Amino acid sequence: MENILLWIGRIAGVAGVLLSAWAAVARLRGTYFAGTFQVGTLLLVGITGIIIACFCLLFVMTMRPRR
């Protein structure tokens, strides 16, 4: 369980950062849409990915016993 949450956290974090960066660059270029999605929606999805990653990694940290 711990390894699964760790990998989910890592993958969600990287995907969230990449999606947020893509949305920020697209917005700075002056576009409002990327494909059929609004750039603001993509930014929110990226932020959500980062938050999910934070919660998964925090849960893994609290599951480990203290030394």
Protein backbone atom coordinates (compact mmCIF):
# COMPACT_ATOMS: atom_id res chain seq x y z
CA MET A 1 0.00 0.00 0.00
CA GLU A 2 2.81 2.35 0.89
CA ASN A 3 4.62 1.83 -2.42
CA ILE A 4 1.42 2.30 -4.42
CA LEU A 5 0.63 5.60 -2.70
CA LEU A 6 4.23 6.71 -3.16
CA TRP A 7 4.10 6.09 -6.91
CA ILE A 8 0.64 7.66 -7.24
CA GLY A 9 1.98 10.74 -5.48
CA ARG A 10 5.03 10.95 -7.72
CA ILE A 11 3.11 10.46 -10.95
CA ALA A 12 0.31 12.85 -9.99
CA GLY A 13 2.85 15.47 -8.92
CA VAL A 14 4.85 15.33 -12.14
CA ALA A 15 1.69 15.30 -14.26
CA GLY A 16 0.26 18.22 -12.30
CA VAL A 17 3.40 20.32 -12.65
CA LEU A 18 3.65 19.61 -16.38
CA LEU A 19 -0.03 20.38 -16.98
CA SER A 20 0.15 23.59 -14.96
CA ALA A 21 3.28 24.69 -16.81
CA TRP A 22 1.66 23.93 -20.16
CA ALA A 23 -1.43 25.95 -19.21
CA ALA A 24 0.69 28.87 -18.00
CA VAL A 25 2.76 28.95 -21.19
CA ALA A 26 -0.35 28.69 -23.35
CA ARG A 27 -1.96 31.58 -21.48
CA LEU A 28 1.17 33.71 -21.73
CA ARG A 29 1.13 33.14 -25.49
CA GLY A 30 -2.36 34.62 -25.57
CA THR A 31 -4.43 31.52 -26.26
CA TYR A 32 -7.60 30.83 -24.33
CA PHE A 33 -8.16 27.26 -25.54
CA ALA A 34 -5.90 24.22 -25.79
CA GLY A 35 -7.75 21.76 -27.94
CA THR A 36 -11.33 21.79 -26.71
CA PHE A 37 -10.48 22.78 -23.13
CA GLN A 38 -10.07 26.24 -21.70
CA VAL A 39 -6.59 26.99 -20.40
CA GLY A 40 -7.97 27.90 -16.97
CA THR A 41 -9.55 24.46 -16.69
CA LEU A 42 -6.23 22.81 -17.51
CA LEU A 43 -4.55 24.92 -14.86
CA LEU A 44 -7.13 23.81 -12.27
CA VAL A 45 -6.63 20.16 -13.22
CA GLY A 46 -2.87 20.60 -12.85
CA ILE A 47 -3.26 22.17 -9.42
CA THR A 48 -5.57 19.33 -8.42
CA GLY A 49 -2.90 16.83 -9.46
CA ILE A 50 -0.34 18.59 -7.30
CA ILE A 51 -2.74 18.57 -4.32
CA ILE A 52 -3.46 14.85 -4.76
CA ALA A 53 0.28 14.21 -4.87
CA CYS A 54 0.79 16.17 -1.66
CA PHE A 55 -1.91 14.21 0.16
CA CYS A 56 -0.57 10.84 -1.04
CA LEU A 57 2.98 11.66 -0.02
CA LEU A 58 1.83 13.07 3.31
CA PHE A 59 -0.12 9.88 4.00
CA VAL A 60 2.98 7.80 3.22
CA MET A 61 5.04 9.94 5.59
CA THR A 62 2.53 9.47 8.43
CA MET A 63 2.34 5.69 7.87
CA ARG A 64 6.07 5.21 8.44
CA PRO A 65 7.11 4.55 12.03
CA ARG A 66 9.27 7.11 13.79
CA ARG A 67 12.87 6.22 14.46
